[in-house]
Amino acid sequence: MAKILVTGGAGYIGSHIVNLLGDTNHEVIVYDNLSTGRKESVVAGELVVGDLEDLEKLENLIVEKKFDACFHFAGSIIVPESVTDPLKYYNNNTNNTLNLLNLCIKHGVNKFIFSSTAAVYGMAEGGICSEDTVTVPINPYGKTKLMTEWMLEDIAAAHKDFEFVILRYFNVAGANVDGKVGQCSPLSTHLIKIACETALGKREKMSVFGEDYETKDGTCIRDYIHVDDLAQAHIDSLNYLLKGGESTLCNCGYGHGYTVKEVIEVVKNVSGVDFVAEIGPRRAGDAPVLTSKAEKIGKVLGWKSKYDDLELIVRTAYEWEKQLN
């Protein structure tokens, strides 16, 4: 049994990992300030409410529990906000992570699993990204995530007993297939959640940002991965590190994508509602295509997808959204 610290474990993705950790014999402590997460989403382990900036509280917890590993999800993730308020992102995603890593090194928490993003690739040529694709992030969100990747690589080089797994997420979507947890944030900018909200009448309409891209229907293509598959990738990462695996970095995606219009059509079919999706202007910084090459995660971590099905992804998101207030 290992003792696991999960920062941000009350949020969308963190809560799905905590849910799976509940099926293991590990001791799980969630550390979350509940700014975007909910205590109801912590369905396993113990919740400690606190800020990453509260270093005294965080250090006391790490000293008390003597953690073996840390999952780090606590971060700011809204790309447009990172452009208008970059200091928030450098403080929360970079400075707070640096302080967390300092405490991990100081107190011997030597296994670290980091929630990164395909945003580190920026506008990749051809829109298909392998782990070796050059990283040129185009917004502060992507830059701050890449900074943490650099910190992890440098720390691991200097401290030989410290190992990490970096997981670069593509477009995470859906909700737990058993309906235990899902996406709750009212500030979400995720296409599938917004489309489900519109189908349920929580929004009058939604926008499609541009239909003049060089794709089959003119809208952007993205690689959508079911959140339960992503959660399993984290469990596989933990098992890999606990068995003595070396530091590694893997993409998390299915290796193929769907256009915005295709996704909206599936939401309409699942919901039975022909809601309004207005065509608007392009958003700055949107790549026409962003999909993954994701063979490495299977080879290195032994991960296998179970839910590579857009209709299933949408159905789980829609059923979860229906029961939200």
Protein backbone atom coordinates (compact mmCIF):
# COMPACT_ATOMS: atom_id res chain seq x y z
CA MET A 1 0.00 0.00 0.00
CA ALA A 2 1.23 3.47 -0.89
CA LYS A 3 0.24 6.84 0.55
CA ILE A 4 -0.90 9.13 -2.24
CA LEU A 5 -1.32 12.93 -2.28
CA VAL A 6 -3.74 14.22 -4.94
CA THR A 7 -3.69 18.00 -5.39
CA GLY A 8 -6.82 19.28 -7.11
CA GLY A 9 -8.54 15.95 -6.56
CA ALA A 10 -11.99 17.52 -6.18
CA GLY A 11 -11.94 18.85 -9.76
CA TYR A 12 -13.15 17.27 -12.99
CA ILE A 13 -10.17 15.10 -13.87
CA GLY A 14 -8.77 14.70 -10.36
CA SER A 15 -12.07 13.32 -9.07
CA HIS A 16 -12.05 10.57 -11.71
CA ILE A 17 -8.56 9.48 -10.68
CA VAL A 18 -9.59 9.51 -7.01
CA ASN A 19 -12.62 7.40 -7.93
CA LEU A 20 -10.35 4.73 -9.46
CA LEU A 21 -7.88 4.97 -6.58
CA GLY A 22 -10.80 4.05 -4.32
CA ASP A 23 -10.70 0.58 -5.87
CA THR A 24 -7.06 0.13 -4.80
CA ASN A 25 -5.58 -0.45 -1.35
CA HIS A 26 -3.68 2.85 -1.40
CA GLU A 27 -4.29 5.56 1.21
CA VAL A 28 -5.52 8.65 -0.66
CA ILE A 29 -5.49 12.25 0.60
CA VAL A 30 -7.03 14.95 -1.61
CA TYR A 31 -5.73 18.50 -1.11
CA ASP A 32 -8.01 21.04 -2.80
CA ASN A 33 -9.15 24.61 -2.15
CA LEU A 34 -12.55 23.89 -3.78
CA SER A 35 -12.26 26.98 -5.98
CA THR A 36 -13.39 24.95 -8.98
CA GLY A 37 -13.83 21.50 -7.44
CA ARG A 38 -16.60 20.24 -5.15
CA LYS A 39 -16.32 18.22 -1.95
CA GLU A 40 -19.13 15.99 -3.26
CA SER A 41 -16.83 14.93 -6.10
CA VAL A 42 -14.34 13.35 -3.69
CA VAL A 43 -15.88 9.87 -3.65
CA ALA A 44 -12.88 8.10 -2.09
CA GLY A 45 -10.07 8.90 0.30
CA GLU A 46 -9.93 11.91 2.62
CA LEU A 47 -10.39 15.56 1.64
CA VAL A 48 -8.17 18.23 3.19
CA VAL A 49 -9.31 21.72 2.17
CA GLY A 50 -6.35 24.00 1.62
CA ASP A 51 -4.49 26.25 -0.81
CA LEU A 52 -1.19 25.35 -2.43
CA GLU A 53 -0.09 28.81 -1.33
CA ASP A 54 -0.58 27.77 2.30
CA LEU A 55 2.87 26.21 2.51
CA GLU A 56 2.74 25.66 6.25
CA LYS A 57 -0.46 23.63 6.02
CA LEU A 58 0.76 21.72 2.98
CA GLU A 59 4.13 20.94 4.55
CA ASN A 60 2.56 19.79 7.80
CA LEU A 61 0.33 17.41 5.81
CA ILE A 62 3.28 16.01 3.84
CA VAL A 63 5.32 15.53 7.03
CA GLU A 64 2.41 13.86 8.82
CA LYS A 65 1.42 11.48 6.05
CA LYS A 66 4.86 10.65 4.63
CA PHE A 67 3.49 10.32 1.09
CA ASP A 68 5.03 7.92 -1.42
CA ALA A 69 3.64 9.66 -4.51
CA CYS A 70 1.91 12.84 -5.65
CA PHE A 71 -0.64 13.40 -8.41
CA HIS A 72 -0.68 17.10 -9.31
CA PHE A 73 -3.92 18.40 -10.85
CA ALA A 74 -4.29 21.71 -8.99
CA GLY A 75 -3.91 24.33 -11.69
CA SER A 76 -5.69 26.94 -13.79
CA ILE A 77 -6.78 25.62 -17.17
CA ILE A 78 -8.86 28.17 -19.11
CA VAL A 79 -6.85 29.23 -22.16
CA PRO A 80 -8.55 32.60 -22.90
CA GLU A 81 -8.27 33.56 -19.22
CA SER A 82 -4.54 32.78 -19.31
CA VAL A 83 -4.16 35.38 -22.06
CA THR A 84 -6.05 38.11 -20.19
CA ASP A 85 -4.70 37.23 -16.71
CA PRO A 86 -1.27 35.65 -17.24
CA LEU A 87 -0.06 36.46 -13.73
CA LYS A 88 -2.73 34.16 -12.27
CA TYR A 89 -1.37 31.33 -14.40
CA TYR A 90 2.30 31.96 -13.64
CA ASN A 91 1.46 32.14 -9.94
CA ASN A 92 -0.82 29.12 -9.75
CA ASN A 93 0.63 26.82 -12.40
CA THR A 94 4.31 27.68 -12.08
CA ASN A 95 5.08 29.22 -8.69
CA ASN A 96 2.72 27.00 -6.68
CA THR A 97 4.02 23.92 -8.47
CA LEU A 98 7.61 24.94 -7.75
CA ASN A 99 6.76 25.23 -4.06
CA LEU A 100 5.03 21.84 -4.10
CA LEU A 101 8.07 20.25 -5.76
CA ASN A 102 10.34 21.85 -3.17
CA LEU A 103 8.34 20.16 -0.41
CA CYS A 104 8.30 16.83 -2.26
CA ILE A 105 12.11 16.85 -2.56
CA LYS A 106 12.55 18.06 1.03
CA HIS A 107 10.38 15.29 2.47
CA GLY A 108 11.12 12.37 0.16
CA VAL A 109 7.98 12.25 -2.00
CA ASN A 110 9.84 10.72 -4.92
CA LYS A 111 7.08 9.67 -7.35
CA PHE A 112 5.31 12.50 -9.17
CA ILE A 113 2.56 12.30 -11.82
CA PHE A 114 1.83 15.56 -13.61
CA SER A 115 -1.26 16.72 -15.45
CA SER A 116 0.08 18.40 -18.60
CA THR A 117 -1.57 19.30 -21.89
CA ALA A 118 -1.36 19.14 -25.67
CA ALA A 119 -1.34 22.96 -25.48
CA VAL A 120 2.44 22.68 -25.05
CA TYR A 121 2.65 21.82 -28.78
CA GLY A 122 1.06 25.06 -29.95
CA MET A 123 0.29 25.16 -33.69
CA ALA A 124 1.97 21.89 -34.64
CA GLU A 125 2.64 21.44 -38.35
CA GLY A 126 0.04 19.05 -39.77
CA GLY A 127 -1.82 19.04 -36.46
CA ILE A 128 -0.60 15.57 -35.44
CA CYS A 129 1.59 15.50 -32.33
CA SER A 130 3.90 12.80 -31.05
CA GLU A 131 5.89 13.15 -27.84
CA ASP A 132 8.82 14.27 -29.99
CA THR A 133 6.89 17.10 -31.68
CA VAL A 134 8.54 20.44 -30.98
CA THR A 135 6.90 22.33 -28.11
CA VAL A 136 6.00 25.92 -28.99
CA PRO A 137 3.05 26.89 -26.77
CA ILE A 138 1.14 29.96 -27.94
CA ASN A 139 -0.57 31.00 -24.68
CA PRO A 140 0.37 31.35 -21.00
CA TYR A 141 -1.58 28.20 -20.09
CA GLY A 142 0.59 26.06 -22.36
CA LYS A 143 3.74 27.90 -21.36
CA THR A 144 3.15 27.35 -17.64
CA LYS A 145 2.51 23.65 -18.16
CA LEU A 146 5.69 23.34 -20.20
CA MET A 147 7.63 25.13 -17.46
CA THR A 148 6.55 22.45 -14.99
CA GLU A 149 7.67 19.76 -17.43
CA TRP A 150 11.10 21.43 -17.55
CA MET A 151 11.24 21.64 -13.76
CA LEU A 152 10.45 17.94 -13.44
CA GLU A 153 13.13 16.97 -15.94
CA ASP A 154 15.77 19.09 -14.18
CA ILE A 155 14.80 17.87 -10.71
CA ALA A 156 14.91 14.24 -11.81
CA ALA A 157 18.38 14.82 -13.30
CA ALA A 158 19.62 16.27 -10.02
CA HIS A 159 17.86 13.86 -7.64
CA LYS A 160 18.40 10.29 -8.79
CA ASP A 161 15.66 8.80 -6.59
CA PHE A 162 12.99 11.17 -7.99
CA GLU A 163 10.90 9.80 -10.90
CA PHE A 164 7.96 11.32 -12.75
CA VAL A 165 5.35 10.63 -15.39
CA ILE A 166 4.12 13.57 -17.46
CA LEU A 167 0.80 12.98 -19.23
CA ARG A 168 -0.06 15.40 -22.03
CA TYR A 169 -3.86 15.40 -22.33
CA PHE A 170 -5.67 16.03 -25.56
CA ASN A 171 -9.40 16.90 -25.29
CA VAL A 172 -10.77 15.21 -22.19
CA ALA A 173 -14.52 14.68 -22.23
CA GLY A 174 -17.39 12.66 -20.84
CA ALA A 175 -18.19 11.53 -17.31
CA ASN A 176 -17.63 8.40 -15.26
CA VAL A 177 -19.46 5.50 -16.93
CA ASP A 178 -21.01 4.52 -13.58
CA GLY A 179 -22.26 8.05 -12.99
CA LYS A 180 -20.27 8.64 -9.79
CA VAL A 181 -18.45 11.79 -10.90
CA GLY A 182 -18.41 14.16 -13.85
CA GLN A 183 -17.71 17.70 -14.96
CA CYS A 184 -19.22 20.31 -12.64
CA SER A 185 -17.47 23.59 -13.35
CA PRO A 186 -19.88 26.30 -14.61
CA LEU A 187 -16.90 28.03 -16.24
CA SER A 188 -16.05 25.15 -18.56
CA THR A 189 -15.06 25.95 -22.11
CA HIS A 190 -15.19 22.31 -23.25
CA LEU A 191 -17.19 21.77 -26.43
CA ILE A 192 -19.04 18.61 -25.38
CA LYS A 193 -20.13 20.03 -22.02
CA ILE A 194 -21.30 23.28 -23.63
CA ALA A 195 -23.22 21.36 -26.30
CA CYS A 196 -24.88 19.19 -23.63
CA GLU A 197 -25.81 22.28 -21.62
CA THR A 198 -27.38 23.78 -24.75
CA ALA A 199 -29.31 20.59 -25.50
CA LEU A 200 -30.70 20.68 -21.95
CA GLY A 201 -31.77 24.32 -22.22
CA LYS A 202 -29.16 25.59 -19.77
CA ARG A 203 -27.92 27.81 -22.60
CA GLU A 204 -30.10 29.41 -25.28
CA LYS A 205 -27.52 28.67 -27.94
CA MET A 206 -23.85 27.91 -28.47
CA SER A 207 -21.20 29.18 -30.85
CA VAL A 208 -19.01 27.45 -33.41
CA PHE A 209 -15.79 29.42 -33.76
CA GLY A 210 -15.15 29.48 -37.48
CA GLU A 211 -16.14 27.18 -40.36
CA ASP A 212 -13.50 28.22 -42.88
CA TYR A 213 -10.65 25.93 -41.79
CA GLU A 214 -9.11 23.50 -44.24
CA THR A 215 -10.94 20.49 -42.82
CA LYS A 216 -13.71 18.32 -44.24
CA ASP A 217 -16.51 20.60 -42.96
CA GLY A 218 -14.54 23.75 -42.23
CA THR A 219 -14.49 23.35 -38.44
CA CYS A 220 -11.60 22.43 -36.16
CA ILE A 221 -10.68 18.80 -35.51
CA ARG A 222 -9.79 17.59 -32.02
CA ASP A 223 -8.81 14.29 -30.40
CA TYR A 224 -11.36 13.50 -27.65
CA ILE A 225 -10.45 11.04 -24.89
CA HIS A 226 -12.96 9.70 -22.37
CA VAL A 227 -12.15 10.85 -18.85
CA ASP A 228 -12.29 7.29 -17.45
CA ASP A 229 -9.65 6.18 -19.96
CA LEU A 230 -7.55 9.17 -18.93
CA ALA A 231 -8.03 8.25 -15.28
CA GLN A 232 -6.81 4.72 -15.98
CA ALA A 233 -3.69 6.20 -17.59
CA HIS A 234 -2.90 7.81 -14.23
CA ILE A 235 -3.38 4.56 -12.33
CA ASP A 236 -1.11 2.84 -14.85
CA SER A 237 1.43 5.65 -14.34
CA LEU A 238 1.37 5.15 -10.57
CA ASN A 239 1.82 1.38 -10.90
CA TYR A 240 4.67 1.95 -13.34
CA LEU A 241 6.51 4.25 -10.94
CA LEU A 242 5.89 2.09 -7.87
CA LYS A 243 7.44 -0.84 -9.75
CA GLY A 244 10.60 1.20 -10.36
CA GLY A 245 9.83 2.70 -13.77
CA GLU A 246 12.03 5.52 -15.04
CA SER A 247 10.78 9.04 -15.70
CA THR A 248 8.75 9.32 -18.89
CA LEU A 249 6.36 11.54 -20.86
CA CYS A 250 3.31 10.27 -22.76
CA ASN A 251 0.50 11.68 -24.87
CA CYS A 252 -3.04 10.82 -23.76
CA GLY A 253 -5.37 10.59 -26.74
CA TYR A 254 -6.92 8.14 -29.17
CA GLY A 255 -4.93 9.15 -32.23
CA HIS A 256 -7.88 10.38 -34.29
CA GLY A 257 -10.22 13.33 -34.18
CA TYR A 258 -13.67 14.72 -34.90
CA THR A 259 -14.75 18.10 -36.22
CA VAL A 260 -16.76 20.52 -34.11
CA LYS A 261 -19.80 19.96 -36.33
CA GLU A 262 -19.49 16.17 -35.99
CA VAL A 263 -19.44 16.47 -32.21
CA ILE A 264 -22.49 18.75 -32.20
CA GLU A 265 -24.35 16.32 -34.45
CA VAL A 266 -23.67 13.45 -32.04
CA VAL A 267 -24.91 15.56 -29.10
CA LYS A 268 -28.08 16.34 -31.05
CA ASN A 269 -28.60 12.64 -31.81
CA VAL A 270 -27.99 11.52 -28.23
CA SER A 271 -30.21 14.24 -26.72
CA GLY A 272 -32.89 14.26 -29.40
CA VAL A 273 -32.75 18.06 -29.37
CA ASP A 274 -32.01 20.19 -32.46
CA PHE A 275 -30.46 23.10 -30.57
CA VAL A 276 -28.98 26.28 -32.04
CA ALA A 277 -25.25 26.29 -32.83
CA GLU A 278 -24.40 29.65 -34.38
CA ILE A 279 -21.37 30.11 -36.61
CA GLY A 280 -19.10 32.82 -35.26
CA PRO A 281 -15.64 34.14 -36.07
CA ARG A 282 -12.49 32.14 -35.44
CA ARG A 283 -10.88 32.34 -32.02
CA ALA A 284 -7.30 33.51 -31.92
CA GLY A 285 -4.89 30.63 -31.47
CA ASP A 286 -7.16 27.77 -32.51
CA ALA A 287 -5.23 25.20 -34.53
CA PRO A 288 -7.21 23.69 -37.43
CA VAL A 289 -6.25 20.16 -36.36
CA LEU A 290 -4.88 18.83 -33.07
CA THR A 291 -4.66 15.07 -32.69
CA SER A 292 -2.26 12.73 -30.97
CA LYS A 293 0.17 10.02 -31.82
CA ALA A 294 -0.27 7.99 -28.68
CA GLU A 295 1.42 4.62 -29.13
CA LYS A 296 4.02 5.26 -26.43
CA ILE A 297 1.60 5.20 -23.51
CA GLY A 298 0.59 1.64 -24.31
CA LYS A 299 4.13 0.43 -24.83
CA VAL A 300 5.62 2.07 -21.74
CA LEU A 301 2.74 2.14 -19.24
CA GLY A 302 0.65 -0.76 -20.55
CA TRP A 303 -2.40 1.48 -20.97
CA LYS A 304 -5.29 0.33 -23.17
CA SER A 305 -8.34 2.39 -24.10
CA LYS A 306 -11.81 1.07 -23.24
CA TYR A 307 -14.08 3.95 -24.25
CA ASP A 308 -12.91 5.11 -27.68
CA ASP A 309 -16.45 5.86 -28.85
CA LEU A 310 -17.68 9.42 -29.40
CA GLU A 311 -21.33 8.50 -28.82
CA LEU A 312 -20.45 6.90 -25.47
CA ILE A 313 -18.37 9.93 -24.49
CA VAL A 314 -21.27 12.23 -25.31
CA ARG A 315 -23.87 10.00 -23.65
CA THR A 316 -21.97 9.89 -20.35
CA ALA A 317 -21.50 13.68 -20.45
CA TYR A 318 -25.17 14.25 -21.27
CA GLU A 319 -26.50 11.91 -18.57
CA TRP A 320 -24.25 13.56 -16.00
CA GLU A 321 -25.27 17.06 -17.10
CA LYS A 322 -28.97 16.13 -16.82
CA GLN A 323 -28.72 15.51 -13.08
CA LEU A 324 -26.67 18.64 -12.29
CA ASN A 325 -28.53 21.56 -10.73
